Amino acid sequence: MTLLTFILFPTLQIDFQTNVWCSPVVDLSYIMGVFRLNESKDIKDELVVLYHQELVKALKSIGYLKQPPTLLELNVDLLKHGSLNVAMWIVFYPFQFVDWSKMKAEDMMGAESDNERSRNFRKDLYRHPELQKLIKEEMKNWMYKGWW
């Protein structure tokens, strides 16, 4: 017998957004990072409630033995790990403002430092006036929550 004994448990992975065993905050941060905030600012709370309801249903349907997180626990985790929300928002949200009729995906993917189109894409990504306005508004929210 070795010092290391591996115990295998049957597992079922529910993939809401990411495929790792982690806090639901990761899923919600991703969702918040790709959702257009200017459509309705109040929708974020509704998304959290809807996500929580679906998560609880999914966990119960597979026979999850522990108590699912409460909505309050989920919201506390969102506040605790809000910096992840900031990172996801900054990474994904700007791509919603790219005019893909003028830009090719290859320009975005260019890894060569001498690729001028790729450099220009990265420079222009955060220059969209509507995006800058929204980032400034969100930065206030992040600062008030202690994330910035």
N, C-alpha and C. Protein backbone atom coordinates (compact mmCIF):
# COMPACT_ATOMS: atom_id res chain seq x y z
N MET A 1 0.84 -1.18 0.00
CA MET A 1 0.00 0.00 0.00
C MET A 1 0.88 1.25 0.00
N THR A 2 0.53 2.23 -0.77
CA THR A 2 1.32 3.46 -0.85
C THR A 2 0.76 4.49 0.11
N LEU A 3 1.57 5.53 0.31
CA LEU A 3 1.13 6.62 1.19
C LEU A 3 -0.05 7.38 0.60
N LEU A 4 -0.10 7.43 -0.71
CA LEU A 4 -1.19 8.14 -1.38
C LEU A 4 -2.26 7.14 -1.78
N THR A 5 -3.44 7.35 -1.31
CA THR A 5 -4.56 6.52 -1.71
C THR A 5 -5.56 7.41 -2.41
N PHE A 6 -5.90 7.04 -3.60
CA PHE A 6 -6.84 7.84 -4.39
C PHE A 6 -8.24 7.25 -4.23
N ILE A 7 -9.16 8.11 -3.86
CA ILE A 7 -10.54 7.69 -3.75
C ILE A 7 -11.29 8.37 -4.88
N LEU A 8 -11.94 7.58 -5.70
CA LEU A 8 -12.68 8.13 -6.82
C LEU A 8 -14.15 8.23 -6.45
N PHE A 9 -14.71 9.38 -6.72
CA PHE A 9 -16.14 9.59 -6.49
C PHE A 9 -16.80 9.80 -7.83
N PRO A 10 -17.96 9.23 -8.02
CA PRO A 10 -18.68 9.53 -9.26
C PRO A 10 -19.08 11.01 -9.25
N THR A 11 -18.83 11.68 -10.33
CA THR A 11 -19.15 13.11 -10.39
C THR A 11 -19.96 13.41 -11.63
N LEU A 12 -20.71 14.45 -11.54
CA LEU A 12 -21.47 14.97 -12.66
C LEU A 12 -21.20 16.46 -12.69
N GLN A 13 -20.68 16.91 -13.79
CA GLN A 13 -20.33 18.32 -13.89
C GLN A 13 -21.46 19.08 -14.58
N ILE A 14 -21.93 20.11 -13.91
CA ILE A 14 -22.94 20.98 -14.50
C ILE A 14 -22.21 22.22 -14.95
N ASP A 15 -22.26 22.47 -16.23
CA ASP A 15 -21.53 23.60 -16.79
C ASP A 15 -22.50 24.72 -17.12
N PHE A 16 -22.62 25.69 -16.22
CA PHE A 16 -23.44 26.84 -16.51
C PHE A 16 -22.68 27.77 -17.46
N GLN A 17 -21.41 27.99 -17.21
CA GLN A 17 -20.63 28.88 -18.06
C GLN A 17 -19.18 28.41 -18.14
N THR A 18 -18.60 28.06 -17.02
CA THR A 18 -17.21 27.61 -17.01
C THR A 18 -17.18 26.14 -16.64
N ASN A 19 -16.09 25.49 -16.93
CA ASN A 19 -16.03 24.05 -16.66
C ASN A 19 -15.00 23.73 -15.59
N VAL A 20 -15.12 24.41 -14.48
CA VAL A 20 -14.29 24.14 -13.32
C VAL A 20 -15.18 24.10 -12.08
N TRP A 21 -14.73 23.39 -11.05
CA TRP A 21 -15.47 23.35 -9.80
C TRP A 21 -15.07 24.61 -9.05
N CYS A 22 -15.98 25.55 -8.97
CA CYS A 22 -15.64 26.83 -8.37
C CYS A 22 -16.90 27.52 -7.88
N SER A 23 -16.72 28.65 -7.33
CA SER A 23 -17.83 29.46 -6.85
C SER A 23 -18.71 29.90 -8.02
N PRO A 24 -20.01 30.00 -7.81
CA PRO A 24 -20.89 30.54 -8.84
C PRO A 24 -20.52 31.96 -9.25
N VAL A 25 -19.72 32.62 -8.44
CA VAL A 25 -19.28 33.98 -8.76
C VAL A 25 -18.53 34.02 -10.09
N VAL A 26 -17.82 32.95 -10.41
CA VAL A 26 -17.08 32.90 -11.67
C VAL A 26 -18.06 32.97 -12.84
N ASP A 27 -19.12 32.16 -12.77
CA ASP A 27 -20.14 32.20 -13.82
C ASP A 27 -20.78 33.58 -13.91
N LEU A 28 -21.19 34.10 -12.78
CA LEU A 28 -21.88 35.39 -12.77
C LEU A 28 -20.96 36.52 -13.25
N SER A 29 -19.70 36.46 -12.89
CA SER A 29 -18.76 37.49 -13.35
C SER A 29 -18.62 37.45 -14.86
N TYR A 30 -18.58 36.26 -15.41
CA TYR A 30 -18.51 36.12 -16.86
C TYR A 30 -19.78 36.70 -17.50
N ILE A 31 -20.92 36.34 -16.96
CA ILE A 31 -22.19 36.85 -17.49
C ILE A 31 -22.22 38.37 -17.44
N MET A 32 -21.83 38.93 -16.30
CA MET A 32 -21.84 40.39 -16.15
C MET A 32 -20.83 41.05 -17.11
N GLY A 33 -19.77 40.33 -17.43
CA GLY A 33 -18.76 40.88 -18.32
C GLY A 33 -19.17 40.94 -19.77
N VAL A 34 -20.15 40.14 -20.15
CA VAL A 34 -20.55 40.14 -21.55
C VAL A 34 -21.93 40.76 -21.77
N PHE A 35 -22.58 41.16 -20.70
CA PHE A 35 -23.92 41.71 -20.80
C PHE A 35 -23.87 43.21 -21.02
N ARG A 36 -24.65 43.70 -21.97
CA ARG A 36 -24.67 45.14 -22.26
C ARG A 36 -25.37 45.88 -21.13
N LEU A 37 -24.63 46.59 -20.33
CA LEU A 37 -25.20 47.30 -19.19
C LEU A 37 -26.10 48.45 -19.60
N ASN A 38 -25.84 49.05 -20.73
CA ASN A 38 -26.62 50.22 -21.11
C ASN A 38 -28.05 49.88 -21.52
N GLU A 39 -28.36 48.60 -21.68
CA GLU A 39 -29.73 48.22 -22.04
C GLU A 39 -30.66 48.38 -20.84
N SER A 40 -30.17 48.02 -19.67
CA SER A 40 -30.96 48.19 -18.45
C SER A 40 -30.05 47.96 -17.26
N LYS A 41 -29.80 49.00 -16.50
CA LYS A 41 -28.90 48.87 -15.36
C LYS A 41 -29.48 47.98 -14.26
N ASP A 42 -30.79 47.91 -14.14
CA ASP A 42 -31.42 47.14 -13.07
C ASP A 42 -31.42 45.65 -13.35
N ILE A 43 -31.07 45.23 -14.53
CA ILE A 43 -31.15 43.83 -14.91
C ILE A 43 -30.10 42.96 -14.19
N LYS A 44 -29.01 43.56 -13.69
CA LYS A 44 -27.97 42.76 -13.04
C LYS A 44 -28.52 42.01 -11.83
N ASP A 45 -29.32 42.68 -11.01
CA ASP A 45 -29.89 42.00 -9.85
C ASP A 45 -30.83 40.88 -10.28
N GLU A 46 -31.59 41.13 -11.33
CA GLU A 46 -32.50 40.09 -11.83
C GLU A 46 -31.73 38.90 -12.36
N LEU A 47 -30.59 39.15 -13.01
CA LEU A 47 -29.75 38.04 -13.49
C LEU A 47 -29.24 37.19 -12.34
N VAL A 48 -28.85 37.85 -11.25
CA VAL A 48 -28.35 37.11 -10.09
C VAL A 48 -29.46 36.23 -9.51
N VAL A 49 -30.66 36.77 -9.39
CA VAL A 49 -31.78 36.00 -8.85
C VAL A 49 -32.11 34.82 -9.77
N LEU A 50 -32.20 35.08 -11.07
CA LEU A 50 -32.49 34.01 -12.02
C LEU A 50 -31.41 32.94 -11.98
N TYR A 51 -30.15 33.36 -11.97
CA TYR A 51 -29.04 32.41 -11.90
C TYR A 51 -29.16 31.56 -10.64
N HIS A 52 -29.43 32.20 -9.51
CA HIS A 52 -29.54 31.47 -8.24
C HIS A 52 -30.67 30.44 -8.30
N GLN A 53 -31.82 30.83 -8.83
CA GLN A 53 -32.94 29.90 -8.94
C GLN A 53 -32.57 28.69 -9.79
N GLU A 54 -31.92 28.92 -10.91
CA GLU A 54 -31.53 27.82 -11.80
C GLU A 54 -30.45 26.94 -11.17
N LEU A 55 -29.52 27.56 -10.45
CA LEU A 55 -28.47 26.80 -9.78
C LEU A 55 -29.07 25.87 -8.73
N VAL A 56 -29.98 26.40 -7.91
CA VAL A 56 -30.62 25.58 -6.87
C VAL A 56 -31.41 24.43 -7.50
N LYS A 57 -32.16 24.72 -8.57
CA LYS A 57 -32.91 23.66 -9.25
C LYS A 57 -31.97 22.57 -9.78
N ALA A 58 -30.87 23.01 -10.40
CA ALA A 58 -29.92 22.04 -10.97
C ALA A 58 -29.28 21.18 -9.88
N LEU A 59 -28.87 21.81 -8.79
CA LEU A 59 -28.24 21.04 -7.71
C LEU A 59 -29.22 20.05 -7.09
N LYS A 60 -30.46 20.46 -6.89
CA LYS A 60 -31.47 19.55 -6.33
C LYS A 60 -31.77 18.41 -7.29
N SER A 61 -31.82 18.70 -8.59
CA SER A 61 -32.18 17.68 -9.57
C SER A 61 -31.13 16.57 -9.67
N ILE A 62 -29.89 16.87 -9.34
CA ILE A 62 -28.86 15.83 -9.40
C ILE A 62 -28.59 15.19 -8.03
N GLY A 63 -29.37 15.61 -7.03
CA GLY A 63 -29.21 15.01 -5.71
C GLY A 63 -28.03 15.53 -4.92
N TYR A 64 -27.69 16.78 -5.12
CA TYR A 64 -26.59 17.42 -4.38
C TYR A 64 -26.87 17.28 -2.89
N LEU A 65 -25.93 16.76 -2.13
CA LEU A 65 -26.16 16.43 -0.73
C LEU A 65 -26.07 17.62 0.22
N LYS A 66 -25.34 18.62 -0.15
CA LYS A 66 -25.21 19.79 0.72
C LYS A 66 -26.36 20.76 0.46
N GLN A 67 -26.49 21.72 1.36
CA GLN A 67 -27.49 22.77 1.18
C GLN A 67 -26.97 23.73 0.10
N PRO A 68 -27.77 24.01 -0.93
CA PRO A 68 -27.33 24.97 -1.95
C PRO A 68 -27.11 26.35 -1.32
N PRO A 69 -26.26 27.16 -1.91
CA PRO A 69 -26.05 28.50 -1.34
C PRO A 69 -27.35 29.31 -1.39
N THR A 70 -27.54 30.12 -0.37
CA THR A 70 -28.70 31.01 -0.37
C THR A 70 -28.41 32.19 -1.28
N LEU A 71 -29.45 32.91 -1.62
CA LEU A 71 -29.28 34.11 -2.43
C LEU A 71 -28.41 35.12 -1.70
N LEU A 72 -28.57 35.22 -0.40
CA LEU A 72 -27.74 36.13 0.39
C LEU A 72 -26.27 35.72 0.31
N GLU A 73 -26.00 34.42 0.48
CA GLU A 73 -24.61 33.94 0.39
C GLU A 73 -24.01 34.22 -0.98
N LEU A 74 -24.82 34.05 -2.01
CA LEU A 74 -24.34 34.33 -3.36
C LEU A 74 -24.00 35.81 -3.51
N ASN A 75 -24.86 36.68 -3.02
CA ASN A 75 -24.59 38.12 -3.10
C ASN A 75 -23.38 38.53 -2.27
N VAL A 76 -23.19 37.91 -1.12
CA VAL A 76 -22.00 38.20 -0.30
C VAL A 76 -20.75 37.77 -1.05
N ASP A 77 -20.79 36.59 -1.68
CA ASP A 77 -19.65 36.13 -2.48
C ASP A 77 -19.37 37.09 -3.64
N LEU A 78 -20.42 37.59 -4.26
CA LEU A 78 -20.23 38.55 -5.36
C LEU A 78 -19.51 39.80 -4.87
N LEU A 79 -19.86 40.26 -3.68
CA LEU A 79 -19.17 41.43 -3.12
C LEU A 79 -17.73 41.10 -2.75
N LYS A 80 -17.53 39.94 -2.12
CA LYS A 80 -16.18 39.54 -1.71
C LYS A 80 -15.23 39.40 -2.89
N HIS A 81 -15.73 38.84 -3.97
CA HIS A 81 -14.89 38.53 -5.12
C HIS A 81 -15.19 39.43 -6.31
N GLY A 82 -15.58 40.64 -6.02
CA GLY A 82 -15.94 41.58 -7.07
C GLY A 82 -14.82 41.94 -8.02
N SER A 83 -13.60 41.80 -7.56
CA SER A 83 -12.49 42.11 -8.46
C SER A 83 -12.49 41.20 -9.68
N LEU A 84 -13.00 39.99 -9.52
CA LEU A 84 -13.14 39.08 -10.66
C LEU A 84 -14.16 39.65 -11.65
N ASN A 85 -15.24 40.22 -11.13
CA ASN A 85 -16.24 40.86 -11.97
C ASN A 85 -15.60 42.00 -12.76
N VAL A 86 -14.77 42.77 -12.10
CA VAL A 86 -14.08 43.89 -12.78
C VAL A 86 -13.21 43.35 -13.91
N ALA A 87 -12.43 42.33 -13.62
CA ALA A 87 -11.53 41.78 -14.63
C ALA A 87 -12.30 41.23 -15.83
N MET A 88 -13.36 40.48 -15.56
CA MET A 88 -14.15 39.92 -16.65
C MET A 88 -14.79 41.03 -17.47
N TRP A 89 -15.27 42.06 -16.79
CA TRP A 89 -15.94 43.17 -17.48
C TRP A 89 -14.95 43.88 -18.39
N ILE A 90 -13.76 44.15 -17.88
CA ILE A 90 -12.77 44.87 -18.66
C ILE A 90 -12.28 44.04 -19.85
N VAL A 91 -12.20 42.74 -19.67
CA VAL A 91 -11.71 41.87 -20.74
C VAL A 91 -12.76 41.67 -21.84
N PHE A 92 -13.99 41.36 -21.47
CA PHE A 92 -14.98 40.95 -22.46
C PHE A 92 -15.87 42.08 -22.98
N TYR A 93 -16.23 42.99 -22.13
CA TYR A 93 -17.22 44.00 -22.49
C TYR A 93 -16.83 44.85 -23.70
N PRO A 94 -15.57 45.28 -23.83
CA PRO A 94 -15.20 46.12 -24.98
C PRO A 94 -15.46 45.47 -26.34
N PHE A 95 -15.45 44.14 -26.41
CA PHE A 95 -15.67 43.48 -27.69
C PHE A 95 -17.08 43.69 -28.22
N GLN A 96 -17.99 44.12 -27.38
CA GLN A 96 -19.35 44.38 -27.83
C GLN A 96 -19.44 45.68 -28.64
N PHE A 97 -18.38 46.48 -28.60
CA PHE A 97 -18.38 47.75 -29.31
C PHE A 97 -17.55 47.71 -30.60
N VAL A 98 -16.98 46.56 -30.88
CA VAL A 98 -16.17 46.42 -32.09
C VAL A 98 -17.10 46.38 -33.31
N ASP A 99 -16.77 47.16 -34.31
CA ASP A 99 -17.51 47.13 -35.57
C ASP A 99 -16.88 46.03 -36.42
N TRP A 100 -17.48 44.83 -36.38
CA TRP A 100 -16.91 43.68 -37.05
C TRP A 100 -17.01 43.78 -38.57
N SER A 101 -17.78 44.75 -39.07
CA SER A 101 -17.81 44.94 -40.52
C SER A 101 -16.53 45.62 -41.01
N LYS A 102 -15.83 46.30 -40.10
CA LYS A 102 -14.59 46.99 -40.45
C LYS A 102 -13.35 46.25 -39.92
N MET A 103 -13.58 45.26 -39.09
CA MET A 103 -12.48 44.57 -38.42
C MET A 103 -12.60 43.08 -38.66
N LYS A 104 -11.48 42.43 -38.87
CA LYS A 104 -11.46 40.98 -39.04
C LYS A 104 -10.97 40.33 -37.74
N ALA A 105 -11.47 39.14 -37.48
CA ALA A 105 -11.04 38.42 -36.29
C ALA A 105 -9.54 38.17 -36.32
N GLU A 106 -8.98 38.03 -37.52
CA GLU A 106 -7.53 37.79 -37.64
C GLU A 106 -6.73 38.98 -37.09
N ASP A 107 -7.30 40.19 -37.23
CA ASP A 107 -6.62 41.37 -36.71
C ASP A 107 -6.54 41.31 -35.19
N MET A 108 -7.59 40.80 -34.59
CA MET A 108 -7.62 40.68 -33.14
C MET A 108 -6.64 39.62 -32.67
N MET A 109 -6.50 38.56 -33.42
CA MET A 109 -5.69 37.42 -33.00
C MET A 109 -4.20 37.61 -33.27
N GLY A 110 -3.82 38.60 -34.02
CA GLY A 110 -2.42 38.77 -34.38
C GLY A 110 -1.52 38.89 -33.16
N ALA A 111 -0.64 37.95 -33.01
CA ALA A 111 0.24 37.93 -31.84
C ALA A 111 1.59 38.58 -32.13
N GLU A 112 1.88 38.76 -33.40
CA GLU A 112 3.19 39.32 -33.74
C GLU A 112 3.23 40.79 -33.36
N SER A 113 4.30 41.19 -32.72
CA SER A 113 4.42 42.59 -32.29
C SER A 113 4.54 43.53 -33.48
N ASP A 114 4.93 43.01 -34.64
CA ASP A 114 5.07 43.87 -35.82
C ASP A 114 3.80 43.89 -36.67
N ASN A 115 2.74 43.25 -36.20
CA ASN A 115 1.48 43.24 -36.92
C ASN A 115 0.73 44.54 -36.60
N GLU A 116 0.76 45.48 -37.54
CA GLU A 116 0.18 46.80 -37.29
C GLU A 116 -1.32 46.74 -37.06
N ARG A 117 -2.02 45.93 -37.82
CA ARG A 117 -3.48 45.82 -37.64
C ARG A 117 -3.81 45.32 -36.24
N SER A 118 -3.05 44.37 -35.75
CA SER A 118 -3.28 43.83 -34.42
C SER A 118 -3.01 44.90 -33.35
N ARG A 119 -1.94 45.65 -33.51
CA ARG A 119 -1.62 46.72 -32.56
C ARG A 119 -2.73 47.77 -32.56
N ASN A 120 -3.20 48.15 -33.75
CA ASN A 120 -4.26 49.15 -33.85
C ASN A 120 -5.56 48.65 -33.23
N PHE A 121 -5.85 47.37 -33.43
CA PHE A 121 -7.05 46.80 -32.83
C PHE A 121 -7.00 46.94 -31.31
N ARG A 122 -5.87 46.57 -30.71
CA ARG A 122 -5.74 46.64 -29.25
C ARG A 122 -5.82 48.08 -28.77
N LYS A 123 -5.25 49.02 -29.53
CA LYS A 123 -5.32 50.43 -29.15
C LYS A 123 -6.75 50.96 -29.23
N ASP A 124 -7.45 50.59 -30.28
CA ASP A 124 -8.79 51.13 -30.52
C ASP A 124 -9.86 50.47 -29.66
N LEU A 125 -9.57 49.33 -29.11
CA LEU A 125 -10.57 48.55 -28.39
C LEU A 125 -11.25 49.36 -27.29
N TYR A 126 -10.51 50.16 -26.57
CA TYR A 126 -11.06 50.89 -25.42
C TYR A 126 -11.35 52.36 -25.74
N ARG A 127 -11.28 52.75 -26.98
CA ARG A 127 -11.47 54.15 -27.35
C ARG A 127 -12.91 54.51 -27.74
N HIS A 128 -13.78 53.55 -27.82
CA HIS A 128 -15.16 53.82 -28.22
C HIS A 128 -15.80 54.75 -27.18
N PRO A 129 -16.38 55.89 -27.59
CA PRO A 129 -16.92 56.87 -26.64
C PRO A 129 -17.98 56.29 -25.69
N GLU A 130 -18.88 55.46 -26.21
CA GLU A 130 -19.92 54.88 -25.36
C GLU A 130 -19.30 53.94 -24.32
N LEU A 131 -18.31 53.17 -24.74
CA LEU A 131 -17.62 52.28 -23.82
C LEU A 131 -16.91 53.08 -22.74
N GLN A 132 -16.21 54.14 -23.12
CA GLN A 132 -15.51 54.96 -22.13
C GLN A 132 -16.48 55.54 -21.11
N LYS A 133 -17.63 55.99 -21.58
CA LYS A 133 -18.64 56.54 -20.67
C LYS A 133 -19.10 55.47 -19.68
N LEU A 134 -19.38 54.27 -20.18
CA LEU A 134 -19.84 53.19 -19.31
C LEU A 134 -18.76 52.73 -18.34
N ILE A 135 -17.52 52.70 -18.80
CA ILE A 135 -16.42 52.31 -17.90
C ILE A 135 -16.30 53.32 -16.76
N LYS A 136 -16.42 54.61 -17.08
CA LYS A 136 -16.34 55.62 -16.02
C LYS A 136 -17.47 55.45 -15.00
N GLU A 137 -18.68 55.15 -15.48
CA GLU A 137 -19.80 54.91 -14.57
C GLU A 137 -19.56 53.67 -13.71
N GLU A 138 -19.10 52.61 -14.35
CA GLU A 138 -18.86 51.37 -13.61
C GLU A 138 -17.71 51.52 -12.62
N MET A 139 -16.71 52.31 -12.97
CA MET A 139 -15.58 52.51 -12.05
C MET A 139 -16.06 53.11 -10.74
N LYS A 140 -17.06 54.00 -10.80
CA LYS A 140 -17.62 54.55 -9.56
C LYS A 140 -18.24 53.44 -8.72
N ASN A 141 -19.02 52.57 -9.37
CA ASN A 141 -19.64 51.45 -8.65
C ASN A 141 -18.58 50.54 -8.04
N TRP A 142 -17.53 50.25 -8.80
CA TRP A 142 -16.46 49.39 -8.30
C TRP A 142 -15.77 50.04 -7.11
N MET A 143 -15.54 51.35 -7.20
CA MET A 143 -14.87 52.07 -6.12
C MET A 143 -15.74 52.05 -4.86
N TYR A 144 -17.03 52.28 -5.01
CA TYR A 144 -17.94 52.30 -3.85
C TYR A 144 -18.03 50.94 -3.18
N LYS A 145 -17.80 49.87 -3.93
CA LYS A 145 -17.85 48.52 -3.37
C LYS A 145 -16.47 48.05 -2.89
N GLY A 146 -15.44 48.88 -3.09
CA GLY A 146 -14.11 48.53 -2.64
C GLY A 146 -13.34 47.65 -3.58
N TRP A 147 -13.77 47.57 -4.83
CA TRP A 147 -13.09 46.71 -5.79
C TRP A 147 -12.03 47.46 -6.58
N TRP A 148 -12.02 48.76 -6.55
CA TRP A 148 -11.11 49.55 -7.39
C TRP A 148 -10.19 50.34 -6.54
